[in-house]
Full PDB file with SEQRES, HELIX, SHEET, SSBOND, CRYST1, ORIGX, SCALE, CONECT and MASTER records, all heavy atoms in Angstrom:
SEQRES   1 A   32  ASP ASP THR SER ALA THR ASP PRO ALA THR SER GLY GLY          
SEQRES   2 A   32  ASP GLU PRO THR GLY GLU PRO THR GLU GLU GLU SER GLY          
SEQRES   3 A   32  GLY ALA ALA GLY GLY GLU                                      
HELIX    1 AA1 PRO A    8  SER A   11  1                                   4    
CRYST1    1.000    1.000    1.000  90.00  90.00  90.00 P 1           1          
ORIGX1      1.000000  0.000000  0.000000        0.00000                         
ORIGX2      0.000000  1.000000  0.000000        0.00000                         
ORIGX3      0.000000  0.000000  1.000000        0.00000                         
SCALE1      1.000000  0.000000  0.000000        0.00000                         
SCALE2      0.000000  1.000000  0.000000        0.00000                         
SCALE3      0.000000  0.000000  1.000000        0.00000                         
ATOM      1  N   ASP A   1       0.808  -1.206   0.000  1.00  0.00           N  
ATOM      2  CA  ASP A   1       0.000   0.000   0.000  1.00  0.00           C  
ATOM      3  C   ASP A   1       0.851   1.270   0.000  1.00  0.00           C  
ATOM      4  O   ASP A   1       0.336   2.357   0.126  1.00  0.00           O  
ATOM      5  CB  ASP A   1      -0.930   0.021   1.219  1.00  0.00           C  
ATOM      6  CG  ASP A   1      -1.907  -1.142   1.174  1.00  0.00           C  
ATOM      7  OD1 ASP A   1      -2.301  -1.536   0.060  1.00  0.00           O  
ATOM      8  OD2 ASP A   1      -2.269  -1.643   2.255  1.00  0.00           O  
ATOM      9  N   ASP A   2       2.164   1.152  -0.133  1.00  0.00           N  
ATOM     10  CA  ASP A   2       3.061   2.308  -0.096  1.00  0.00           C  
ATOM     11  C   ASP A   2       2.944   3.096  -1.393  1.00  0.00           C  
ATOM     12  O   ASP A   2       3.422   2.692  -2.425  1.00  0.00           O  
ATOM     13  CB  ASP A   2       4.500   1.834   0.111  1.00  0.00           C  
ATOM     14  CG  ASP A   2       5.481   2.991   0.220  1.00  0.00           C  
ATOM     15  OD1 ASP A   2       5.013   4.133   0.402  1.00  0.00           O  
ATOM     16  OD2 ASP A   2       6.691   2.739   0.127  1.00  0.00           O  
ATOM     17  N   THR A   3       2.286   4.259  -1.314  1.00  0.00           N  
ATOM     18  CA  THR A   3       2.118   5.100  -2.492  1.00  0.00           C  
ATOM     19  C   THR A   3       2.833   6.427  -2.329  1.00  0.00           C  
ATOM     20  O   THR A   3       2.679   7.317  -3.146  1.00  0.00           O  
ATOM     21  CB  THR A   3       0.617   5.370  -2.761  1.00  0.00           C  
ATOM     22  OG1 THR A   3       0.072   6.012  -1.608  1.00  0.00           O  
ATOM     23  CG2 THR A   3      -0.126   4.088  -3.086  1.00  0.00           C  
ATOM     24  N   SER A   4       3.644   6.587  -1.271  1.00  0.00           N  
ATOM     25  CA  SER A   4       4.265   7.876  -1.005  1.00  0.00           C  
ATOM     26  C   SER A   4       5.189   8.317  -2.131  1.00  0.00           C  
ATOM     27  O   SER A   4       5.364   9.499  -2.364  1.00  0.00           O  
ATOM     28  CB  SER A   4       5.031   7.837   0.316  1.00  0.00           C  
ATOM     29  OG  SER A   4       6.060   6.873   0.246  1.00  0.00           O  
ATOM     30  N   ALA A   5       5.791   7.394  -2.852  1.00  0.00           N  
ATOM     31  CA  ALA A   5       6.707   7.777  -3.914  1.00  0.00           C  
ATOM     32  C   ALA A   5       5.983   8.313  -5.143  1.00  0.00           C  
ATOM     33  O   ALA A   5       6.557   9.050  -5.916  1.00  0.00           O  
ATOM     34  CB  ALA A   5       7.579   6.583  -4.317  1.00  0.00           C  
ATOM     35  N   THR A   6       4.711   7.933  -5.310  1.00  0.00           N  
ATOM     36  CA  THR A   6       3.993   8.369  -6.504  1.00  0.00           C  
ATOM     37  C   THR A   6       2.828   9.288  -6.206  1.00  0.00           C  
ATOM     38  O   THR A   6       2.284   9.887  -7.105  1.00  0.00           O  
ATOM     39  CB  THR A   6       3.460   7.153  -7.282  1.00  0.00           C  
ATOM     40  OG1 THR A   6       2.629   6.378  -6.410  1.00  0.00           O  
ATOM     41  CG2 THR A   6       4.593   6.305  -7.804  1.00  0.00           C  
ATOM     42  N   ASP A   7       2.434   9.415  -4.949  1.00  0.00           N  
ATOM     43  CA  ASP A   7       1.295  10.249  -4.578  1.00  0.00           C  
ATOM     44  C   ASP A   7       1.793  11.631  -4.163  1.00  0.00           C  
ATOM     45  O   ASP A   7       2.445  11.766  -3.138  1.00  0.00           O  
ATOM     46  CB  ASP A   7       0.531   9.586  -3.434  1.00  0.00           C  
ATOM     47  CG  ASP A   7      -0.728  10.340  -3.050  1.00  0.00           C  
ATOM     48  OD1 ASP A   7      -0.964  11.437  -3.603  1.00  0.00           O  
ATOM     49  OD2 ASP A   7      -1.470   9.832  -2.193  1.00  0.00           O  
ATOM     50  N   PRO A   8       1.504  12.682  -4.946  1.00  0.00           N  
ATOM     51  CA  PRO A   8       1.997  14.013  -4.609  1.00  0.00           C  
ATOM     52  C   PRO A   8       1.526  14.493  -3.249  1.00  0.00           C  
ATOM     53  O   PRO A   8       2.192  15.273  -2.608  1.00  0.00           O  
ATOM     54  CB  PRO A   8       1.463  14.915  -5.716  1.00  0.00           C  
ATOM     55  CG  PRO A   8       0.813  14.059  -6.722  1.00  0.00           C  
ATOM     56  CD  PRO A   8       0.743  12.674  -6.181  1.00  0.00           C  
ATOM     57  N   ALA A   9       0.380  14.015  -2.787  1.00  0.00           N  
ATOM     58  CA  ALA A   9      -0.136  14.454  -1.507  1.00  0.00           C  
ATOM     59  C   ALA A   9       0.712  13.944  -0.354  1.00  0.00           C  
ATOM     60  O   ALA A   9       0.811  14.585   0.686  1.00  0.00           O  
ATOM     61  CB  ALA A   9      -1.587  13.979  -1.339  1.00  0.00           C  
ATOM     62  N   THR A  10       1.356  12.784  -0.522  1.00  0.00           N  
ATOM     63  CA  THR A  10       2.153  12.216   0.565  1.00  0.00           C  
ATOM     64  C   THR A  10       3.646  12.327   0.326  1.00  0.00           C  
ATOM     65  O   THR A  10       4.426  12.164   1.235  1.00  0.00           O  
ATOM     66  CB  THR A  10       1.795  10.736   0.793  1.00  0.00           C  
ATOM     67  OG1 THR A  10       2.031  10.031  -0.421  1.00  0.00           O  
ATOM     68  CG2 THR A  10       0.371  10.566   1.239  1.00  0.00           C  
ATOM     69  N   SER A  11       4.062  12.612  -0.889  1.00  0.00           N  
ATOM     70  CA  SER A  11       5.491  12.674  -1.164  1.00  0.00           C  
ATOM     71  C   SER A  11       6.064  14.056  -0.931  1.00  0.00           C  
ATOM     72  O   SER A  11       7.268  14.232  -0.899  1.00  0.00           O  
ATOM     73  CB  SER A  11       5.786  12.250  -2.609  1.00  0.00           C  
ATOM     74  OG  SER A  11       5.232  13.196  -3.508  1.00  0.00           O  
ATOM     75  N   GLY A  12       5.195  15.056  -0.801  1.00  0.00           N  
ATOM     76  CA  GLY A  12       5.669  16.405  -0.570  1.00  0.00           C  
ATOM     77  C   GLY A  12       6.142  17.087  -1.845  1.00  0.00           C  
ATOM     78  O   GLY A  12       6.645  18.187  -1.802  1.00  0.00           O  
ATOM     79  N   GLY A  13       5.976  16.455  -2.984  1.00  0.00           N  
ATOM     80  CA  GLY A  13       6.437  17.037  -4.242  1.00  0.00           C  
ATOM     81  C   GLY A  13       5.296  17.272  -5.188  1.00  0.00           C  
ATOM     82  O   GLY A  13       4.155  16.922  -4.920  1.00  0.00           O  
ATOM     83  N   ASP A  14       5.611  17.896  -6.274  1.00  0.00           N  
ATOM     84  CA  ASP A  14       4.620  18.106  -7.311  1.00  0.00           C  
ATOM     85  C   ASP A  14       4.442  16.840  -8.115  1.00  0.00           C  
ATOM     86  O   ASP A  14       5.286  15.959  -8.112  1.00  0.00           O  
ATOM     87  CB  ASP A  14       5.059  19.232  -8.250  1.00  0.00           C  
ATOM     88  CG  ASP A  14       5.102  20.574  -7.538  1.00  0.00           C  
ATOM     89  OD1 ASP A  14       4.315  20.757  -6.586  1.00  0.00           O  
ATOM     90  OD2 ASP A  14       5.930  21.422  -7.928  1.00  0.00           O  
ATOM     91  N   GLU A  15       3.355  16.784  -8.828  1.00  0.00           N  
ATOM     92  CA  GLU A  15       3.109  15.638  -9.692  1.00  0.00           C  
ATOM     93  C   GLU A  15       4.161  15.597 -10.795  1.00  0.00           C  
ATOM     94  O   GLU A  15       4.542  16.625 -11.335  1.00  0.00           O  
ATOM     95  CB  GLU A  15       1.714  15.768 -10.308  1.00  0.00           C  
ATOM     96  CG  GLU A  15       1.176  14.459 -10.787  1.00  0.00           C  
ATOM     97  CD  GLU A  15      -0.305  14.539 -11.045  1.00  0.00           C  
ATOM     98  OE1 GLU A  15      -1.030  15.149 -10.263  1.00  0.00           O  
ATOM     99  OE2 GLU A  15      -0.720  13.960 -12.063  1.00  0.00           O  
ATOM    100  N   PRO A  16       4.686  14.413 -11.141  1.00  0.00           N  
ATOM    101  CA  PRO A  16       5.716  14.333 -12.173  1.00  0.00           C  
ATOM    102  C   PRO A  16       5.209  14.854 -13.516  1.00  0.00           C  
ATOM    103  O   PRO A  16       4.065  14.632 -13.879  1.00  0.00           O  
ATOM    104  CB  PRO A  16       6.021  12.830 -12.280  1.00  0.00           C  
ATOM    105  CG  PRO A  16       5.321  12.167 -11.157  1.00  0.00           C  
ATOM    106  CD  PRO A  16       4.328  13.130 -10.600  1.00  0.00           C  
ATOM    107  N   THR A  17       6.094  15.565 -14.238  1.00  0.00           N  
ATOM    108  CA  THR A  17       5.705  16.137 -15.522  1.00  0.00           C  
ATOM    109  C   THR A  17       6.300  15.383 -16.687  1.00  0.00           C  
ATOM    110  O   THR A  17       5.930  15.618 -17.820  1.00  0.00           O  
ATOM    111  CB  THR A  17       6.175  17.596 -15.620  1.00  0.00           C  
ATOM    112  OG1 THR A  17       7.609  17.606 -15.570  1.00  0.00           O  
ATOM    113  CG2 THR A  17       5.603  18.448 -14.517  1.00  0.00           C  
ATOM    114  N   GLY A  18       7.285  14.514 -16.421  1.00  0.00           N  
ATOM    115  CA  GLY A  18       7.961  13.811 -17.494  1.00  0.00           C  
ATOM    116  C   GLY A  18       9.167  14.584 -17.997  1.00  0.00           C  
ATOM    117  O   GLY A  18      10.001  14.067 -18.703  1.00  0.00           O  
ATOM    118  N   GLU A  19       9.275  15.871 -17.643  1.00  0.00           N  
ATOM    119  CA  GLU A  19      10.419  16.694 -18.024  1.00  0.00           C  
ATOM    120  C   GLU A  19      11.486  16.575 -16.948  1.00  0.00           C  
ATOM    121  O   GLU A  19      11.174  16.529 -15.762  1.00  0.00           O  
ATOM    122  CB  GLU A  19       9.993  18.166 -18.144  1.00  0.00           C  
ATOM    123  CG  GLU A  19       8.993  18.417 -19.232  1.00  0.00           C  
ATOM    124  CD  GLU A  19       9.555  18.154 -20.611  1.00  0.00           C  
ATOM    125  OE1 GLU A  19      10.712  18.518 -20.868  1.00  0.00           O  
ATOM    126  OE2 GLU A  19       8.834  17.573 -21.437  1.00  0.00           O  
ATOM    127  N   PRO A  20      12.779  16.528 -17.329  1.00  0.00           N  
ATOM    128  CA  PRO A  20      13.819  16.459 -16.318  1.00  0.00           C  
ATOM    129  C   PRO A  20      13.881  17.767 -15.542  1.00  0.00           C  
ATOM    130  O   PRO A  20      13.634  18.837 -16.082  1.00  0.00           O  
ATOM    131  CB  PRO A  20      15.103  16.254 -17.134  1.00  0.00           C  
ATOM    132  CG  PRO A  20      14.787  16.720 -18.504  1.00  0.00           C  
ATOM    133  CD  PRO A  20      13.305  16.530 -18.683  1.00  0.00           C  
ATOM    134  N   THR A  21      14.205  17.650 -14.247  1.00  0.00           N  
ATOM    135  CA  THR A  21      14.380  18.844 -13.442  1.00  0.00           C  
ATOM    136  C   THR A  21      15.709  19.475 -13.821  1.00  0.00           C  
ATOM    137  O   THR A  21      16.531  18.871 -14.506  1.00  0.00           O  
ATOM    138  CB  THR A  21      14.404  18.484 -11.944  1.00  0.00           C  
ATOM    139  OG1 THR A  21      15.558  17.666 -11.703  1.00  0.00           O  
ATOM    140  CG2 THR A  21      13.139  17.768 -11.511  1.00  0.00           C  
ATOM    141  N   GLU A  22      15.955  20.710 -13.341  1.00  0.00           N  
ATOM    142  CA  GLU A  22      17.225  21.367 -13.638  1.00  0.00           C  
ATOM    143  C   GLU A  22      18.384  20.531 -13.111  1.00  0.00           C  
ATOM    144  O   GLU A  22      19.402  20.386 -13.760  1.00  0.00           O  
ATOM    145  CB  GLU A  22      17.247  22.758 -13.008  1.00  0.00           C  
ATOM    146  CG  GLU A  22      18.498  23.539 -13.361  1.00  0.00           C  
ATOM    147  CD  GLU A  22      18.463  24.950 -12.828  1.00  0.00           C  
ATOM    148  OE1 GLU A  22      17.377  25.521 -12.664  1.00  0.00           O  
ATOM    149  OE2 GLU A  22      19.550  25.479 -12.571  1.00  0.00           O  
ATOM    150  N   GLU A  23      18.197  19.919 -11.937  1.00  0.00           N  
ATOM    151  CA  GLU A  23      19.242  19.078 -11.352  1.00  0.00           C  
ATOM    152  C   GLU A  23      19.501  17.841 -12.215  1.00  0.00           C  
ATOM    153  O   GLU A  23      20.633  17.459 -12.458  1.00  0.00           O  
ATOM    154  CB  GLU A  23      18.812  18.652  -9.947  1.00  0.00           C  
ATOM    155  CG  GLU A  23      19.879  17.910  -9.187  1.00  0.00           C  
ATOM    156  CD  GLU A  23      19.438  17.621  -7.769  1.00  0.00           C  
ATOM    157  OE1 GLU A  23      19.161  18.566  -7.010  1.00  0.00           O  
ATOM    158  OE2 GLU A  23      19.363  16.425  -7.434  1.00  0.00           O  
ATOM    159  N   GLU A  24      18.440  17.213 -12.738  1.00  0.00           N  
ATOM    160  CA  GLU A  24      18.591  16.015 -13.556  1.00  0.00           C  
ATOM    161  C   GLU A  24      19.222  16.314 -14.912  1.00  0.00           C  
ATOM    162  O   GLU A  24      19.889  15.483 -15.493  1.00  0.00           O  
ATOM    163  CB  GLU A  24      17.233  15.340 -13.786  1.00  0.00           C  
ATOM    164  CG  GLU A  24      16.643  14.741 -12.537  1.00  0.00           C  
ATOM    165  CD  GLU A  24      15.190  14.326 -12.718  1.00  0.00           C  
ATOM    166  OE1 GLU A  24      14.492  14.874 -13.580  1.00  0.00           O  
ATOM    167  OE2 GLU A  24      14.762  13.446 -11.963  1.00  0.00           O  
ATOM    168  N   SER A  25      19.000  17.521 -15.438  1.00  0.00           N  
ATOM    169  CA  SER A  25      19.516  17.848 -16.757  1.00  0.00           C  
ATOM    170  C   SER A  25      20.906  18.454 -16.702  1.00  0.00           C  
ATOM    171  O   SER A  25      21.398  18.974 -17.681  1.00  0.00           O  
ATOM    172  CB  SER A  25      18.564  18.797 -17.486  1.00  0.00           C  
ATOM    173  OG  SER A  25      18.533  20.046 -16.819  1.00  0.00           O  
ATOM    174  N   GLY A  26      21.555  18.381 -15.541  1.00  0.00           N  
ATOM    175  CA  GLY A  26      22.913  18.872 -15.424  1.00  0.00           C  
ATOM    176  C   GLY A  26      22.978  20.301 -14.919  1.00  0.00           C  
ATOM    177  O   GLY A  26      24.041  20.870 -14.793  1.00  0.00           O  
ATOM    178  N   GLY A  27      21.818  20.909 -14.629  1.00  0.00           N  
ATOM    179  CA  GLY A  27      21.783  22.235 -14.053  1.00  0.00           C  
ATOM    180  C   GLY A  27      21.987  23.354 -15.064  1.00  0.00           C  
ATOM    181  O   GLY A  27      21.836  24.507 -14.741  1.00  0.00           O  
ATOM    182  N   ALA A  28      22.354  23.048 -16.267  1.00  0.00           N  
ATOM    183  CA  ALA A  28      22.580  24.086 -17.264  1.00  0.00           C  
ATOM    184  C   ALA A  28      21.259  24.464 -17.916  1.00  0.00           C  
ATOM    185  O   ALA A  28      20.510  23.607 -18.332  1.00  0.00           O  
ATOM    186  CB  ALA A  28      23.569  23.603 -18.320  1.00  0.00           C  
ATOM    187  N   ALA A  29      21.001  25.773 -18.003  1.00  0.00           N  
ATOM    188  CA  ALA A  29      19.739  26.226 -18.565  1.00  0.00           C  
ATOM    189  C   ALA A  29      19.562  25.781 -20.011  1.00  0.00           C  
ATOM    190  O   ALA A  29      18.481  25.454 -20.438  1.00  0.00           O  
ATOM    191  CB  ALA A  29      19.640  27.742 -18.464  1.00  0.00           C  
ATOM    192  N   GLY A  30      20.661  25.740 -20.798  1.00  0.00           N  
ATOM    193  CA  GLY A  30      20.575  25.372 -22.198  1.00  0.00           C  
ATOM    194  C   GLY A  30      20.564  23.878 -22.419  1.00  0.00           C  
ATOM    195  O   GLY A  30      20.331  23.426 -23.515  1.00  0.00           O  
ATOM    196  N   GLY A  31      20.863  23.094 -21.417  1.00  0.00           N  
ATOM    197  CA  GLY A  31      20.866  21.653 -21.574  1.00  0.00           C  
ATOM    198  C   GLY A  31      21.959  20.996 -20.768  1.00  0.00           C  
ATOM    199  O   GLY A  31      22.684  21.626 -20.013  1.00  0.00           O  
ATOM    200  N   GLU A  32      22.066  19.723 -20.961  1.00  0.00           N  
ATOM    201  CA  GLU A  32      22.998  18.896 -20.213  1.00  0.00           C  
ATOM    202  C   GLU A  32      24.437  19.126 -20.675  1.00  0.00           C  
ATOM    203  O   GLU A  32      24.744  19.057 -21.857  1.00  0.00           O  
ATOM    204  CB  GLU A  32      22.602  17.435 -20.446  1.00  0.00           C  
ATOM    205  CG  GLU A  32      23.476  16.422 -19.818  1.00  0.00           C  
ATOM    206  CD  GLU A  32      23.012  15.010 -20.136  1.00  0.00           C  
ATOM    207  OE1 GLU A  32      22.155  14.830 -21.024  1.00  0.00           O  
ATOM    208  OE2 GLU A  32      23.527  14.093 -19.494  1.00  0.00           O  
TER     209      GLU A  32                                                      
MASTER        0    0    0    1    0    0    0    6  208    1    0    3          
END                                                                             
């Protein structure tokens, strides 16, 4: 029943958008 990783209400994060975050994309505004 553990849904905290996917439920925005319990994970404290926003719903996933499918787009990489700035941290995931290497932090560079123009790209990785």
